[in-house]
């Protein structure tokens, strides 16, 4: 699955590109702090950069704003698995499934 590729170790060039893209997300979030698209993008960039703790923080922000945001529960599960927290990952999968079933 494509999201698992985010967990691979980034190269220096990728880190530089991620840094530039994170700046764009930060610019957008300064203008619109509750922009879930920018929060999600930033979280995924942080995962790719190897910063799972900050990534999960942004994913939590999204679920606080819009718990039905597409893909957020899968992303949280992916990050929690990578962090060695399978129980939290399983919980995210269950919650995500509940939201998908309700739609």
PDB file of N, CA and C in Angstrom:
ATOM      1  N   UNK A   1       0.844  -1.175   0.000  1.00  0.00           N
ATOM      2  CA  UNK A   1       0.000   0.000   0.000  1.00  0.00           C
ATOM      3  C   UNK A   1       0.896   1.247   0.000  1.00  0.00           C
ATOM      4  N   UNK A   2       0.488   2.303  -0.666  1.00  0.00           N
ATOM      5  CA  UNK A   2       1.302   3.493  -0.848  1.00  0.00           C
ATOM      6  C   UNK A   2       1.651   4.177   0.465  1.00  0.00           C
ATOM      7  N   UNK A   3       0.762   4.190   1.434  1.00  0.00           N
ATOM      8  CA  UNK A   3       1.050   4.894   2.683  1.00  0.00           C
ATOM      9  C   UNK A   3       2.181   4.238   3.456  1.00  0.00           C
ATOM     10  N   UNK A   4       2.386   2.927   3.305  1.00  0.00           N
ATOM     11  CA  UNK A   4       3.484   2.272   4.000  1.00  0.00           C
ATOM     12  C   UNK A   4       4.830   2.766   3.484  1.00  0.00           C
ATOM     13  N   UNK A   5       4.891   3.212   2.234  1.00  0.00           N
ATOM     14  CA  UNK A   5       6.125   3.752   1.673  1.00  0.00           C
ATOM     15  C   UNK A   5       6.569   4.996   2.425  1.00  0.00           C
ATOM     16  N   UNK A   6       5.644   5.669   3.089  1.00  0.00           N
ATOM     17  CA  UNK A   6       5.999   6.852   3.870  1.00  0.00           C
ATOM     18  C   UNK A   6       6.939   6.518   5.025  1.00  0.00           C
ATOM     19  N   UNK A   7       6.955   5.275   5.452  1.00  0.00           N
ATOM     20  CA  UNK A   7       7.753   4.888   6.604  1.00  0.00           C
ATOM     21  C   UNK A   7       9.196   4.554   6.256  1.00  0.00           C
ATOM     22  N   UNK A   8       9.560   4.546   4.983  1.00  0.00           N
ATOM     23  CA  UNK A   8      10.930   4.261   4.586  1.00  0.00           C
ATOM     24  C   UNK A   8      11.829   5.435   4.945  1.00  0.00           C
ATOM     25  N   UNK A   9      13.086   5.169   5.214  1.00  0.00           N
ATOM     26  CA  UNK A   9      14.032   6.229   5.567  1.00  0.00           C
ATOM     27  C   UNK A   9      14.236   7.170   4.381  1.00  0.00           C
ATOM     28  N   UNK A  10      14.077   8.471   4.623  1.00  0.00           N
ATOM     29  CA  UNK A  10      14.225   9.431   3.527  1.00  0.00           C
ATOM     30  C   UNK A  10      15.694   9.743   3.230  1.00  0.00           C
ATOM     31  N   UNK A  11      15.974  10.115   1.997  1.00  0.00           N
ATOM     32  CA  UNK A  11      17.308  10.564   1.607  1.00  0.00           C
ATOM     33  C   UNK A  11      17.440  12.044   1.953  1.00  0.00           C
ATOM     34  N   UNK A  12      18.663  12.566   1.850  1.00  0.00           N
ATOM     35  CA  UNK A  12      18.873  13.993   2.125  1.00  0.00           C
ATOM     36  C   UNK A  12      18.067  14.868   1.175  1.00  0.00           C
ATOM     37  N   UNK A  13      17.996  14.472  -0.092  1.00  0.00           N
ATOM     38  CA  UNK A  13      17.225  15.247  -1.061  1.00  0.00           C
ATOM     39  C   UNK A  13      15.749  15.240  -0.696  1.00  0.00           C
ATOM     40  N   UNK A  14      15.251  14.081  -0.304  1.00  0.00           N
ATOM     41  CA  UNK A  14      13.850  13.982   0.092  1.00  0.00           C
ATOM     42  C   UNK A  14      13.604  14.853   1.317  1.00  0.00           C
ATOM     43  N   UNK A  15      14.518  14.823   2.288  1.00  0.00           N
ATOM     44  CA  UNK A  15      14.356  15.666   3.483  1.00  0.00           C
ATOM     45  C   UNK A  15      14.321  17.144   3.124  1.00  0.00           C
ATOM     46  N   UNK A  16      15.145  17.552   2.171  1.00  0.00           N
ATOM     47  CA  UNK A  16      15.145  18.950   1.742  1.00  0.00           C
ATOM     48  C   UNK A  16      13.811  19.301   1.094  1.00  0.00           C
ATOM     49  N   UNK A  17      13.315  18.419   0.240  1.00  0.00           N
ATOM     50  CA  UNK A  17      12.018  18.658  -0.396  1.00  0.00           C
ATOM     51  C   UNK A  17      10.895  18.685   0.634  1.00  0.00           C
ATOM     52  N   UNK A  18      10.958  17.773   1.601  1.00  0.00           N
ATOM     53  CA  UNK A  18       9.944  17.747   2.655  1.00  0.00           C
ATOM     54  C   UNK A  18       9.972  19.035   3.464  1.00  0.00           C
ATOM     55  N   UNK A  19      11.157  19.540   3.728  1.00  0.00           N
ATOM     56  CA  UNK A  19      11.289  20.785   4.477  1.00  0.00           C
ATOM     57  C   UNK A  19      10.600  21.937   3.739  1.00  0.00           C
ATOM     58  N   UNK A  20      10.782  21.992   2.432  1.00  0.00           N
ATOM     59  CA  UNK A  20      10.137  23.039   1.638  1.00  0.00           C
ATOM     60  C   UNK A  20       8.616  22.874   1.649  1.00  0.00           C
ATOM     61  N   UNK A  21       8.166  21.636   1.538  1.00  0.00           N
ATOM     62  CA  UNK A  21       6.722  21.384   1.538  1.00  0.00           C
ATOM     63  C   UNK A  21       6.106  21.647   2.915  1.00  0.00           C
ATOM     64  N   UNK A  22       6.847  21.325   3.970  1.00  0.00           N
ATOM     65  CA  UNK A  22       6.362  21.631   5.319  1.00  0.00           C
ATOM     66  C   UNK A  22       6.205  23.132   5.503  1.00  0.00           C
ATOM     67  N   UNK A  23       7.112  23.908   4.928  1.00  0.00           N
ATOM     68  CA  UNK A  23       6.998  25.362   5.016  1.00  0.00           C
ATOM     69  C   UNK A  23       5.712  25.833   4.344  1.00  0.00           C
ATOM     70  N   UNK A  24       5.370  25.241   3.203  1.00  0.00           N
ATOM     71  CA  UNK A  24       4.108  25.608   2.538  1.00  0.00           C
ATOM     72  C   UNK A  24       2.906  25.271   3.415  1.00  0.00           C
ATOM     73  N   UNK A  25       2.954  24.106   4.065  1.00  0.00           N
ATOM     74  CA  UNK A  25       1.864  23.726   4.980  1.00  0.00           C
ATOM     75  C   UNK A  25       1.779  24.707   6.140  1.00  0.00           C
ATOM     76  N   UNK A  26       2.945  25.058   6.692  1.00  0.00           N
ATOM     77  CA  UNK A  26       2.959  26.011   7.806  1.00  0.00           C
ATOM     78  C   UNK A  26       2.389  27.360   7.390  1.00  0.00           C
ATOM     79  N   UNK A  27       2.731  27.804   6.180  1.00  0.00           N
ATOM     80  CA  UNK A  27       2.182  29.070   5.676  1.00  0.00           C
ATOM     81  C   UNK A  27       0.659  28.998   5.607  1.00  0.00           C
ATOM     82  N   UNK A  28       0.140  27.901   5.079  1.00  0.00           N
ATOM     83  CA  UNK A  28      -1.307  27.731   4.976  1.00  0.00           C
ATOM     84  C   UNK A  28      -1.945  27.684   6.360  1.00  0.00           C
ATOM     85  N   UNK A  29      -1.287  26.988   7.308  1.00  0.00           N
ATOM     86  CA  UNK A  29      -1.847  26.861   8.656  1.00  0.00           C
ATOM     87  C   UNK A  29      -1.806  28.180   9.427  1.00  0.00           C
ATOM     88  N   UNK A  30      -0.875  29.043   9.085  1.00  0.00           N
ATOM     89  CA  UNK A  30      -0.879  30.374   9.715  1.00  0.00           C
ATOM     90  C   UNK A  30      -2.113  31.160   9.278  1.00  0.00           C
ATOM     91  N   UNK A  31      -2.483  30.978   8.004  1.00  0.00           N
ATOM     92  CA  UNK A  31      -3.671  31.655   7.470  1.00  0.00           C
ATOM     93  C   UNK A  31      -4.961  30.985   7.941  1.00  0.00           C
ATOM     94  N   UNK A  32      -4.935  29.638   7.989  1.00  0.00           N
ATOM     95  CA  UNK A  32      -6.130  28.854   8.316  1.00  0.00           C
ATOM     96  C   UNK A  32      -5.730  27.722   9.263  1.00  0.00           C
ATOM     97  N   UNK A  33      -5.650  28.007  10.569  1.00  0.00           N
ATOM     98  CA  UNK A  33      -5.144  27.015  11.526  1.00  0.00           C
ATOM     99  C   UNK A  33      -5.941  25.714  11.601  1.00  0.00           C
ATOM    100  N   UNK A  34      -7.181  25.710  11.146  1.00  0.00           N
ATOM    101  CA  UNK A  34      -8.004  24.503  11.230  1.00  0.00           C
ATOM    102  C   UNK A  34      -8.155  23.828   9.862  1.00  0.00           C
ATOM    103  N   UNK A  35      -7.274  24.137   8.934  1.00  0.00           N
ATOM    104  CA  UNK A  35      -7.332  23.561   7.594  1.00  0.00           C
ATOM    105  C   UNK A  35      -6.908  22.098   7.663  1.00  0.00           C
ATOM    106  N   UNK A  36      -7.877  21.208   7.605  1.00  0.00           N
ATOM    107  CA  UNK A  36      -7.588  19.784   7.784  1.00  0.00           C
ATOM    108  C   UNK A  36      -6.739  19.220   6.650  1.00  0.00           C
ATOM    109  N   UNK A  37      -6.873  19.750   5.450  1.00  0.00           N
ATOM    110  CA  UNK A  37      -6.029  19.275   4.358  1.00  0.00           C
ATOM    111  C   UNK A  37      -4.554  19.588   4.630  1.00  0.00           C
ATOM    112  N   UNK A  38      -4.293  20.806   5.085  1.00  0.00           N
ATOM    113  CA  UNK A  38      -2.911  21.189   5.399  1.00  0.00           C
ATOM    114  C   UNK A  38      -2.389  20.400   6.603  1.00  0.00           C
ATOM    115  N   UNK A  39      -3.236  20.187   7.597  1.00  0.00           N
ATOM    116  CA  UNK A  39      -2.824  19.396   8.764  1.00  0.00           C
ATOM    117  C   UNK A  39      -2.485  17.959   8.358  1.00  0.00           C
ATOM    118  N   UNK A  40      -3.319  17.370   7.500  1.00  0.00           N
ATOM    119  CA  UNK A  40      -3.090  15.993   7.054  1.00  0.00           C
ATOM    120  C   UNK A  40      -1.805  15.900   6.235  1.00  0.00           C
ATOM    121  N   UNK A  41      -1.640  16.839   5.329  1.00  0.00           N
ATOM    122  CA  UNK A  41      -0.428  16.851   4.503  1.00  0.00           C
ATOM    123  C   UNK A  41       0.806  17.007   5.382  1.00  0.00           C
ATOM    124  N   UNK A  42       0.732  17.914   6.341  1.00  0.00           N
ATOM    125  CA  UNK A  42       1.874  18.115   7.236  1.00  0.00           C
ATOM    126  C   UNK A  42       2.164  16.844   8.027  1.00  0.00           C
ATOM    127  N   UNK A  43       1.134  16.194   8.517  1.00  0.00           N
ATOM    128  CA  UNK A  43       1.332  14.957   9.275  1.00  0.00           C
ATOM    129  C   UNK A  43       2.032  13.901   8.427  1.00  0.00           C
ATOM    130  N   UNK A  44       1.592  13.734   7.189  1.00  0.00           N
ATOM    131  CA  UNK A  44       2.213  12.734   6.327  1.00  0.00           C
ATOM    132  C   UNK A  44       3.655  13.093   5.988  1.00  0.00           C
ATOM    133  N   UNK A  45       3.929  14.378   5.792  1.00  0.00           N
ATOM    134  CA  UNK A  45       5.312  14.801   5.560  1.00  0.00           C
ATOM    135  C   UNK A  45       6.175  14.517   6.787  1.00  0.00           C
ATOM    136  N   UNK A  46       5.623  14.758   7.973  1.00  0.00           N
ATOM    137  CA  UNK A  46       6.375  14.486   9.207  1.00  0.00           C
ATOM    138  C   UNK A  46       6.658  12.996   9.371  1.00  0.00           C
ATOM    139  N   UNK A  47       5.690  12.159   9.015  1.00  0.00           N
ATOM    140  CA  UNK A  47       5.929  10.710   9.046  1.00  0.00           C
ATOM    141  C   UNK A  47       7.082  10.383   8.125  1.00  0.00           C
ATOM    142  N   UNK A  48       7.043  10.924   6.934  1.00  0.00           N
ATOM    143  CA  UNK A  48       8.093  10.645   5.939  1.00  0.00           C
ATOM    144  C   UNK A  48       9.457  11.125   6.428  1.00  0.00           C
ATOM    145  N   UNK A  49       9.460  12.216   7.186  1.00  0.00           N
ATOM    146  CA  UNK A  49      10.710  12.752   7.720  1.00  0.00           C
ATOM    147  C   UNK A  49      11.172  12.008   8.973  1.00  0.00           C
ATOM    148  N   UNK A  50      10.361  11.060   9.442  1.00  0.00           N
ATOM    149  CA  UNK A  50      10.741  10.260  10.598  1.00  0.00           C
ATOM    150  C   UNK A  50      10.293  10.821  11.932  1.00  0.00           C
ATOM    151  N   UNK A  51       9.392  11.784  11.919  1.00  0.00           N
ATOM    152  CA  UNK A  51       8.928  12.417  13.156  1.00  0.00           C
ATOM    153  C   UNK A  51       7.499  11.965  13.470  1.00  0.00           C
ATOM    154  N   UNK A  52       7.373  10.710  13.900  1.00  0.00           N
ATOM    155  CA  UNK A  52       6.055  10.124  14.156  1.00  0.00           C
ATOM    156  C   UNK A  52       5.316  10.808  15.295  1.00  0.00           C
ATOM    157  N   UNK A  53       6.036  11.255  16.315  1.00  0.00           N
ATOM    158  CA  UNK A  53       5.360  11.904  17.453  1.00  0.00           C
ATOM    159  C   UNK A  53       4.664  13.190  17.035  1.00  0.00           C
ATOM    160  N   UNK A  54       5.345  14.017  16.263  1.00  0.00           N
ATOM    161  CA  UNK A  54       4.703  15.244  15.787  1.00  0.00           C
ATOM    162  C   UNK A  54       3.597  14.922  14.796  1.00  0.00           C
ATOM    163  N   UNK A  55       3.814  13.901  13.983  1.00  0.00           N
ATOM    164  CA  UNK A  55       2.792  13.513  13.003  1.00  0.00           C
ATOM    165  C   UNK A  55       1.505  13.105  13.705  1.00  0.00           C
ATOM    166  N   UNK A  56       1.621  12.292  14.743  1.00  0.00           N
ATOM    167  CA  UNK A  56       0.419  11.826  15.437  1.00  0.00           C
ATOM    168  C   UNK A  56      -0.291  13.003  16.106  1.00  0.00           C
ATOM    169  N   UNK A  57       0.454  13.995  16.554  1.00  0.00           N
ATOM    170  CA  UNK A  57      -0.142  15.207  17.127  1.00  0.00           C
ATOM    171  C   UNK A  57      -1.058  15.886  16.100  1.00  0.00           C
ATOM    172  N   UNK A  58      -0.567  16.036  14.876  1.00  0.00           N
ATOM    173  CA  UNK A  58      -1.380  16.680  13.839  1.00  0.00           C
ATOM    174  C   UNK A  58      -2.563  15.812  13.431  1.00  0.00           C
ATOM    175  N   UNK A  59      -2.370  14.514  13.414  1.00  0.00           N
ATOM    176  CA  UNK A  59      -3.493  13.625  13.105  1.00  0.00           C
ATOM    177  C   UNK A  59      -4.560  13.700  14.197  1.00  0.00           C
ATOM    178  N   UNK A  60      -4.140  13.849  15.455  1.00  0.00           N
ATOM    179  CA  UNK A  60      -5.105  14.044  16.545  1.00  0.00           C
ATOM    180  C   UNK A  60      -5.874  15.352  16.354  1.00  0.00           C
ATOM    181  N   UNK A  61      -5.170  16.379  15.916  1.00  0.00           N
ATOM    182  CA  UNK A  61      -5.845  17.665  15.672  1.00  0.00           C
ATOM    183  C   UNK A  61      -6.950  17.491  14.633  1.00  0.00           C
ATOM    184  N   UNK A  62      -6.661  16.718  13.601  1.00  0.00           N
ATOM    185  CA  UNK A  62      -7.661  16.505  12.549  1.00  0.00           C
ATOM    186  C   UNK A  62      -8.877  15.779  13.106  1.00  0.00           C
ATOM    187  N   UNK A  63      -8.644  14.719  13.887  1.00  0.00           N
ATOM    188  CA  UNK A  63      -9.798  13.982  14.413  1.00  0.00           C
ATOM    189  C   UNK A  63     -10.577  14.806  15.418  1.00  0.00           C
ATOM    190  N   UNK A  64      -9.952  15.773  16.057  1.00  0.00           N
ATOM    191  CA  UNK A  64     -10.686  16.693  16.927  1.00  0.00           C
ATOM    192  C   UNK A  64     -11.571  17.631  16.105  1.00  0.00           C
ATOM    193  N   UNK A  65     -11.075  18.053  14.938  1.00  0.00           N
ATOM    194  CA  UNK A  65     -11.818  18.980  14.081  1.00  0.00           C
ATOM    195  C   UNK A  65     -12.878  18.244  13.266  1.00  0.00           C
ATOM    196  N   UNK A  66     -12.460  17.139  12.621  1.00  0.00           N
ATOM    197  CA  UNK A  66     -13.348  16.398  11.729  1.00  0.00           C
ATOM    198  C   UNK A  66     -13.019  14.911  11.811  1.00  0.00           C
ATOM    199  N   UNK A  67     -13.643  14.196  12.748  1.00  0.00           N
ATOM    200  CA  UNK A  67     -13.311  12.779  12.919  1.00  0.00           C
ATOM    201  C   UNK A  67     -13.631  11.910  11.706  1.00  0.00           C
ATOM    202  N   UNK A  68     -14.401  12.419  10.764  1.00  0.00           N
ATOM    203  CA  UNK A  68     -14.708  11.677   9.552  1.00  0.00           C
ATOM    204  C   UNK A  68     -13.805  12.025   8.377  1.00  0.00           C
ATOM    205  N   UNK A  69     -12.730  12.774   8.646  1.00  0.00           N
ATOM    206  CA  UNK A  69     -11.818  13.174   7.564  1.00  0.00           C
ATOM    207  C   UNK A  69     -11.281  11.921   6.861  1.00  0.00           C
ATOM    208  N   UNK A  70     -11.411  11.858   5.529  1.00  0.00           N
ATOM    209  CA  UNK A  70     -11.002  10.646   4.794  1.00  0.00           C
ATOM    210  C   UNK A  70      -9.528  10.278   5.016  1.00  0.00           C
ATOM    211  N   UNK A  71      -9.307   9.042   5.424  1.00  0.00           N
ATOM    212  CA  UNK A  71      -7.955   8.512   5.565  1.00  0.00           C
ATOM    213  C   UNK A  71      -7.260   8.793   6.876  1.00  0.00           C
ATOM    214  N   UNK A  72      -7.842   9.654   7.718  1.00  0.00           N
ATOM    215  CA  UNK A  72      -7.130  10.049   8.933  1.00  0.00           C
ATOM    216  C   UNK A  72      -6.958   8.872   9.898  1.00  0.00           C
ATOM    217  N   UNK A  73      -7.970   8.015  10.023  1.00  0.00           N
ATOM    218  CA  UNK A  73      -7.860   6.893  10.960  1.00  0.00           C
ATOM    219  C   UNK A  73      -6.877   5.849  10.450  1.00  0.00           C
ATOM    220  N   UNK A  74      -6.843   5.647   9.135  1.00  0.00           N
ATOM    221  CA  UNK A  74      -5.861   4.727   8.557  1.00  0.00           C
ATOM    222  C   UNK A  74      -4.449   5.269   8.787  1.00  0.00           C
ATOM    223  N   UNK A  75      -4.276   6.575   8.588  1.00  0.00           N
ATOM    224  CA  UNK A  75      -2.962   7.189   8.802  1.00  0.00           C
ATOM    225  C   UNK A  75      -2.540   7.064  10.268  1.00  0.00           C
ATOM    226  N   UNK A  76      -3.480   7.312  11.187  1.00  0.00           N
ATOM    227  CA  UNK A  76      -3.156   7.170  12.605  1.00  0.00           C
ATOM    228  C   UNK A  76      -2.754   5.735  12.922  1.00  0.00           C
ATOM    229  N   UNK A  77      -3.487   4.770  12.361  1.00  0.00           N
ATOM    230  CA  UNK A  77      -3.152   3.357  12.595  1.00  0.00           C
ATOM    231  C   UNK A  77      -1.757   3.043  12.069  1.00  0.00           C
ATOM    232  N   UNK A  78      -1.446   3.526  10.885  1.00  0.00           N
ATOM    233  CA  UNK A  78      -0.136   3.295  10.284  1.00  0.00           C
ATOM    234  C   UNK A  78       0.980   3.849  11.175  1.00  0.00           C
ATOM    235  N   UNK A  79       0.788   5.062  11.666  1.00  0.00           N
ATOM    236  CA  UNK A  79       1.811   5.691  12.504  1.00  0.00           C
ATOM    237  C   UNK A  79       1.948   4.949  13.836  1.00  0.00           C
ATOM    238  N   UNK A  80       0.834   4.614  14.443  1.00  0.00           N
ATOM    239  CA  UNK A  80       0.899   3.880  15.713  1.00  0.00           C
ATOM    240  C   UNK A  80       1.588   2.521  15.540  1.00  0.00           C
ATOM    241  N   UNK A  81       1.317   1.832  14.430  1.00  0.00           N
ATOM    242  CA  UNK A  81       2.012   0.549  14.199  1.00  0.00           C
ATOM    243  C   UNK A  81       3.517   0.766  14.095  1.00  0.00           C
ATOM    244  N   UNK A  82       3.904   1.794  13.368  1.00  0.00           N
ATOM    245  CA  UNK A  82       5.325   2.104  13.199  1.00  0.00           C
ATOM    246  C   UNK A  82       5.976   2.477  14.537  1.00  0.00           C
ATOM    247  N   UNK A  83       5.183   3.028  15.448  1.00  0.00           N
ATOM    248  CA  UNK A  83       5.687   3.412  16.763  1.00  0.00           C
ATOM    249  C   UNK A  83       5.699   2.230  17.732  1.00  0.00           C
ATOM    250  N   UNK A  84       5.233   1.077  17.271  1.00  0.00           N
ATOM    251  CA  UNK A  84       5.194  -0.101  18.140  1.00  0.00           C
ATOM    252  C   UNK A  84       4.030  -0.099  19.105  1.00  0.00           C
ATOM    253  N   UNK A  85       2.924   0.517  18.697  1.00  0.00           N
ATOM    254  CA  UNK A  85       1.729   0.584  19.536  1.00  0.00           C
ATOM    255  C   UNK A  85       0.555  -0.083  18.815  1.00  0.00           C
ATOM    256  N   UNK A  86       0.589  -1.426  18.729  1.00  0.00           N
ATOM    257  CA  UNK A  86      -0.446  -2.127  17.954  1.00  0.00           C
ATOM    258  C   UNK A  86      -1.852  -1.971  18.521  1.00  0.00           C
ATOM    259  N   UNK A  87      -2.004  -1.862  19.835  1.00  0.00           N
ATOM    260  CA  UNK A  87      -3.351  -1.705  20.409  1.00  0.00           C
ATOM    261  C   UNK A  87      -3.970  -0.380  19.966  1.00  0.00           C
ATOM    262  N   UNK A  88      -3.172   0.674  19.954  1.00  0.00           N
ATOM    263  CA  UNK A  88      -3.677   1.971  19.487  1.00  0.00           C
ATOM    264  C   UNK A  88      -3.988   1.915  17.995  1.00  0.00           C
ATOM    265  N   UNK A  89      -3.140   1.222  17.241  1.00  0.00           N
ATOM    266  CA  UNK A  89      -3.383   1.074  15.802  1.00  0.00           C
ATOM    267  C   UNK A  89      -4.695   0.342  15.560  1.00  0.00           C
ATOM    268  N   UNK A  90      -4.920  -0.740  16.294  1.00  0.00           N
ATOM    269  CA  UNK A  90      -6.161  -1.505  16.139  1.00  0.00           C
ATOM    270  C   UNK A  90      -7.382  -0.659  16.493  1.00  0.00           C
ATOM    271  N   UNK A  91      -7.266   0.138  17.537  1.00  0.00           N
ATOM    272  CA  UNK A  91      -8.363   1.031  17.917  1.00  0.00           C
ATOM    273  C   UNK A  91      -8.670   2.007  16.785  1.00  0.00           C
ATOM    274  N   UNK A  92      -7.639   2.574  16.186  1.00  0.00           N
ATOM    275  CA  UNK A  92      -7.840   3.511  15.077  1.00  0.00           C
ATOM    276  C   UNK A  92      -8.523   2.823  13.893  1.00  0.00           C
ATOM    277  N   UNK A  93      -8.132   1.595  13.611  1.00  0.00           N
ATOM    278  CA  UNK A  93      -8.773   0.844  12.519  1.00  0.00           C
ATOM    279  C   UNK A  93     -10.254   0.659  12.813  1.00  0.00           C
ATOM    280  N   UNK A  94     -10.579   0.297  14.056  1.00  0.00           N
ATOM    281  CA  UNK A  94     -11.993   0.101  14.423  1.00  0.00           C
ATOM    282  C   UNK A  94     -12.784   1.399  14.308  1.00  0.00           C
ATOM    283  N   UNK A  95     -12.222   2.486  14.834  1.00  0.00           N
ATOM    284  CA  UNK A  95     -12.933   3.769  14.767  1.00  0.00           C
ATOM    285  C   UNK A  95     -13.104   4.193  13.324  1.00  0.00           C
ATOM    286  N   UNK A  96     -12.053   4.044  12.531  1.00  0.00           N
ATOM    287  CA  UNK A  96     -12.132   4.387  11.113  1.00  0.00           C
ATOM    288  C   UNK A  96     -13.187   3.582  10.390  1.00  0.00           C
ATOM    289  N   UNK A  97     -13.275   2.299  10.706  1.00  0.00           N
ATOM    290  CA  UNK A  97     -14.282   1.436  10.090  1.00  0.00           C
ATOM    291  C   UNK A  97     -15.685   1.902  10.461  1.00  0.00           C
ATOM    292  N   UNK A  98     -15.857   2.330  11.692  1.00  0.00           N
ATOM    293  CA  UNK A  98     -17.158   2.852  12.124  1.00  0.00           C
ATOM    294  C   UNK A  98     -17.554   4.088  11.323  1.00  0.00           C
ATOM    295  N   UNK A  99     -16.591   4.989  11.091  1.00  0.00           N
ATOM    296  CA  UNK A  99     -16.893   6.197  10.328  1.00  0.00           C
ATOM    297  C   UNK A  99     -17.198   5.849   8.871  1.00  0.00           C
ATOM    298  N   UNK A 100     -16.443   4.920   8.301  1.00  0.00           N
ATOM    299  CA  UNK A 100     -16.690   4.520   6.914  1.00  0.00           C
ATOM    300  C   UNK A 100     -18.062   3.864   6.770  1.00  0.00           C
ATOM    301  N   UNK A 101     -18.446   3.044   7.747  1.00  0.00           N
ATOM    302  CA  UNK A 101     -19.742   2.369   7.699  1.00  0.00           C
ATOM    303  C   UNK A 101     -20.891   3.376   7.797  1.00  0.00           C
ATOM    304  N   UNK A 102     -20.663   4.462   8.529  1.00  0.00           N
ATOM    305  CA  UNK A 102     -21.708   5.472   8.718  1.00  0.00           C
ATOM    306  C   UNK A 102     -21.902   6.339   7.473  1.00  0.00           C
ATOM    307  N   UNK A 103     -20.965   6.317   6.562  1.00  0.00           N
ATOM    308  CA  UNK A 103     -21.056   7.192   5.385  1.00  0.00           C
ATOM    309  C   UNK A 103     -21.829   6.554   4.272  1.00  0.00           C
TER     310      UNK A 103
END
